[in-house]
Amino acid sequence: MENSKNKTDNFLKAIKKYADEQRSAMQTEVAQLKEEKLKEATEKGRHDSEKYIKDKLEESRNRQTGILAKKIQEGQKKLFLERAEMTESVFKKAEEKLVEYTKTSDYSNSLVKSAKEVAKLFADNDCVVYVNERDMKNSDKIKAVFAGSTEVVADKSIKIGGIKGFCKAMNIVADETLDSKLYAQKEWFIENSGLSVL
């Protein structure tokens, strides 16, 4: 059981490592784009200053600033869309790998281990445990680890796997789904990736 937790932890670490590598690549791309835009704007400004008479220089500078601002805004938009696409791609692949993992015997053991953690939290209170429809085959194993009366219910909102328990007496929801763990990793990546386009 510890082995399956290690595998899950290693898998999540691999996702984080891959996301960090992608972040580094995007940071390099952002730096190159900023440098190219700055160089382009500098050359254009120098050319314009030689071309226009002194009275028109301020007008030209204002016009070029507007054009540069628009190009920077367009570049930021493009980078934002590429970053969002890259993030979605990384986490879509991670989701697919997790779905494949749910088809293994290690996953079944991990599911029961998660159920034990939730059961400890709920003590001997009655509860409802929600699982992916594919995991209903493990319902007897899941029920066996709970002290109180337990109902195992298929939940279509659980797309990948894991369990989510609800104890009405304690008014507690314990979410041990792979869906929520992957979502938390995605949120962390978005907040901490450093892929700022500003």
Protein backbone atom coordinates (compact mmCIF):
# COMPACT_ATOMS: atom_id res chain seq x y z
CA MET A 1 0.00 0.00 0.00
CA GLU A 2 2.90 2.31 0.78
CA ASN A 3 4.31 1.37 -2.62
CA SER A 4 1.17 2.63 -4.38
CA LYS A 5 1.34 5.89 -2.44
CA ASN A 6 4.99 6.22 -3.49
CA LYS A 7 4.01 5.55 -7.09
CA THR A 8 1.29 8.20 -6.90
CA ASP A 9 3.72 10.64 -5.25
CA ASN A 10 6.38 9.85 -7.86
CA PHE A 11 3.85 10.33 -10.61
CA LEU A 12 2.80 13.71 -9.22
CA LYS A 13 6.48 14.66 -8.86
CA ALA A 14 7.03 13.71 -12.50
CA ILE A 15 4.12 15.95 -13.49
CA LYS A 16 5.61 18.81 -11.48
CA LYS A 17 9.07 18.24 -13.02
CA TYR A 18 7.61 18.25 -16.51
CA ALA A 19 5.62 21.40 -15.76
CA ASP A 20 8.81 23.09 -14.44
CA GLU A 21 10.64 22.18 -17.65
CA GLN A 22 7.81 23.64 -19.71
CA ARG A 23 7.85 26.79 -17.57
CA SER A 24 11.58 27.25 -18.20
CA ALA A 25 11.07 26.90 -21.96
CA MET A 26 8.28 29.47 -21.92
CA GLN A 27 10.37 31.91 -19.88
CA THR A 28 13.13 31.72 -22.49
CA GLU A 29 10.61 32.30 -25.25
CA VAL A 30 9.14 35.30 -23.40
CA ALA A 31 12.61 36.83 -22.95
CA GLN A 32 13.44 36.37 -26.64
CA LEU A 33 10.16 37.92 -27.76
CA LYS A 34 10.64 40.91 -25.46
CA GLU A 35 14.18 41.40 -26.79
CA GLU A 36 13.04 41.17 -30.43
CA LYS A 37 10.19 43.65 -29.88
CA LEU A 38 12.47 46.09 -28.09
CA LYS A 39 15.11 45.85 -30.82
CA GLU A 40 12.46 46.30 -33.53
CA ALA A 41 11.00 49.33 -31.76
CA THR A 42 14.44 50.89 -31.22
CA GLU A 43 15.43 50.49 -34.87
CA LYS A 44 12.08 51.88 -36.05
CA GLY A 45 12.40 54.86 -33.72
CA ARG A 46 15.95 55.63 -34.93
CA HIS A 47 14.88 55.41 -38.58
CA ASP A 48 11.87 57.67 -37.99
CA SER A 49 13.87 60.29 -36.09
CA GLU A 50 16.21 60.67 -39.10
CA LYS A 51 13.33 60.79 -41.56
CA TYR A 52 11.07 63.43 -40.01
CA ILE A 53 11.73 67.07 -39.39
CA LYS A 54 12.23 68.33 -35.86
CA ASP A 55 8.62 69.59 -35.50
CA LYS A 56 7.20 66.17 -36.43
CA LEU A 57 9.47 64.15 -34.15
CA GLU A 58 7.13 64.28 -31.11
CA GLU A 59 4.13 63.29 -33.22
CA SER A 60 6.06 60.38 -34.71
CA ARG A 61 7.24 59.23 -31.30
CA ASN A 62 3.66 59.20 -30.00
CA ARG A 63 2.46 57.24 -33.01
CA GLN A 64 5.26 54.69 -32.63
CA THR A 65 4.52 54.31 -28.92
CA GLY A 66 0.91 53.44 -29.78
CA ILE A 67 2.01 50.91 -32.38
CA LEU A 68 4.52 49.37 -29.99
CA ALA A 69 1.93 49.18 -27.22
CA LYS A 70 -0.45 47.41 -29.60
CA LYS A 71 2.25 44.96 -30.69
CA ILE A 72 3.21 44.27 -27.09
CA GLN A 73 -0.44 43.74 -26.21
CA GLU A 74 -0.85 41.36 -29.15
CA GLY A 75 2.33 39.54 -28.15
CA GLN A 76 1.13 39.24 -24.56
CA LYS A 77 -2.20 37.89 -25.76
CA LYS A 78 -0.46 35.34 -27.98
CA LEU A 79 1.83 34.25 -25.14
CA PHE A 80 -1.12 33.99 -22.75
CA LEU A 81 -3.01 31.77 -25.21
CA GLU A 82 0.07 29.61 -25.83
CA ARG A 83 0.66 29.28 -22.09
CA ALA A 84 -2.96 28.30 -21.50
CA GLU A 85 -2.78 25.77 -24.35
CA MET A 86 0.47 24.31 -23.01
CA THR A 87 -0.96 24.05 -19.49
CA GLU A 88 -4.11 22.34 -20.75
CA SER A 89 -2.03 19.92 -22.83
CA VAL A 90 0.24 18.98 -19.91
CA PHE A 91 -2.65 18.37 -17.55
CA LYS A 92 -4.75 16.55 -20.16
CA LYS A 93 -1.87 14.10 -20.63
CA ALA A 94 -1.54 13.76 -16.86
CA GLU A 95 -5.27 13.03 -16.61
CA GLU A 96 -4.99 10.35 -19.31
CA LYS A 97 -2.10 8.71 -17.44
CA LEU A 98 -4.07 8.79 -14.20
CA VAL A 99 -7.04 7.14 -15.91
CA GLU A 100 -4.68 4.40 -17.12
CA TYR A 101 -3.38 4.06 -13.56
CA THR A 102 -6.94 3.49 -12.30
CA LYS A 103 -7.00 0.27 -14.32
CA THR A 104 -4.17 -1.28 -12.28
CA SER A 105 -4.23 -3.42 -9.14
CA ASP A 106 -2.03 -0.81 -7.43
CA TYR A 107 -4.86 1.65 -7.85
CA SER A 108 -7.38 -0.71 -6.21
CA ASN A 109 -5.06 -0.96 -3.20
CA SER A 110 -4.61 2.81 -3.17
CA LEU A 111 -8.39 3.27 -3.30
CA VAL A 112 -8.84 1.10 -0.20
CA LYS A 113 -6.01 2.99 1.53
CA SER A 114 -7.75 6.30 0.77
CA ALA A 115 -10.97 4.82 2.15
CA LYS A 116 -9.14 3.96 5.39
CA GLU A 117 -7.97 7.57 5.74
CA VAL A 118 -11.51 8.86 5.25
CA ALA A 119 -12.85 6.21 7.65
CA LYS A 120 -10.45 7.41 10.38
CA LEU A 121 -11.79 10.93 9.95
CA PHE A 122 -15.45 9.85 10.16
CA ALA A 123 -14.83 7.45 13.10
CA ASP A 124 -18.00 5.38 13.67
CA ASN A 125 -20.40 7.88 12.05
CA ASP A 126 -22.61 6.91 9.12
CA CYS A 127 -21.43 8.21 5.77
CA VAL A 128 -21.82 8.14 2.02
CA VAL A 129 -18.78 7.41 -0.14
CA TYR A 130 -18.77 8.58 -3.75
CA VAL A 131 -16.64 6.85 -6.39
CA ASN A 132 -16.25 6.75 -10.15
CA GLU A 133 -18.65 4.26 -11.72
CA ARG A 134 -15.68 2.04 -12.68
CA ASP A 135 -14.77 1.77 -9.00
CA MET A 136 -18.12 0.38 -7.87
CA LYS A 137 -16.54 -3.09 -8.16
CA ASN A 138 -14.52 -2.18 -5.05
CA SER A 139 -17.55 -1.10 -3.01
CA ASP A 140 -17.43 -4.09 -0.64
CA LYS A 141 -13.73 -3.47 0.10
CA ILE A 142 -14.47 0.20 0.71
CA LYS A 143 -17.44 -0.48 3.00
CA ALA A 144 -15.35 -2.95 5.02
CA VAL A 145 -12.98 -0.24 6.30
CA PHE A 146 -15.73 1.99 7.74
CA ALA A 147 -17.03 1.51 11.29
CA GLY A 148 -20.39 3.24 10.74
CA SER A 149 -23.07 2.45 8.20
CA THR A 150 -21.65 3.23 4.77
CA GLU A 151 -23.26 3.60 1.37
CA VAL A 152 -21.05 3.57 -1.73
CA VAL A 153 -22.53 5.57 -4.62
CA ALA A 154 -21.35 6.10 -8.21
CA ASP A 155 -20.67 9.79 -8.89
CA LYS A 156 -20.40 10.96 -12.51
CA SER A 157 -18.56 14.10 -11.41
CA ILE A 158 -15.56 11.92 -10.49
CA LYS A 159 -13.97 11.53 -13.93
CA ILE A 160 -10.63 9.95 -12.98
CA GLY A 161 -10.96 8.06 -9.71
CA GLY A 162 -10.47 8.07 -5.97
CA ILE A 163 -13.11 8.57 -3.31
CA LYS A 164 -15.06 11.39 -1.77
CA GLY A 165 -16.79 10.82 1.54
CA PHE A 166 -19.59 12.77 3.19
CA CYS A 167 -20.54 12.47 6.84
CA LYS A 168 -23.82 14.25 7.55
CA ALA A 169 -23.46 14.00 11.35
CA MET A 170 -20.09 15.79 11.22
CA ASN A 171 -21.00 17.93 8.18
CA ILE A 172 -17.66 17.03 6.60
CA VAL A 173 -16.69 16.20 3.03
CA ALA A 174 -13.38 14.38 2.63
CA ASP A 175 -12.19 14.58 -0.97
CA GLU A 176 -9.51 12.02 -1.82
CA THR A 177 -10.27 11.96 -5.55
CA LEU A 178 -7.51 11.97 -8.12
CA ASP A 179 -9.59 14.63 -9.89
CA SER A 180 -9.23 17.11 -7.01
CA LYS A 181 -5.53 16.29 -6.53
CA LEU A 182 -4.80 16.92 -10.21
CA TYR A 183 -6.86 20.14 -10.12
CA ALA A 184 -4.86 21.32 -7.09
CA GLN A 185 -1.61 20.62 -8.96
CA LYS A 186 -2.91 22.58 -11.96
CA GLU A 187 -3.89 25.55 -9.78
CA TRP A 188 -0.48 25.46 -8.09
CA PHE A 189 1.25 25.36 -11.48
CA ILE A 190 -0.74 28.31 -12.80
CA GLU A 191 0.03 30.38 -9.70
CA ASN A 192 3.70 29.41 -9.36
CA SER A 193 4.94 28.73 -12.88
CA GLY A 194 6.35 32.23 -13.32
CA LEU A 195 5.12 32.36 -16.90
CA SER A 196 4.16 36.00 -16.61
CA VAL A 197 3.55 37.80 -19.89
CA LEU A 198 3.75 41.28 -18.38
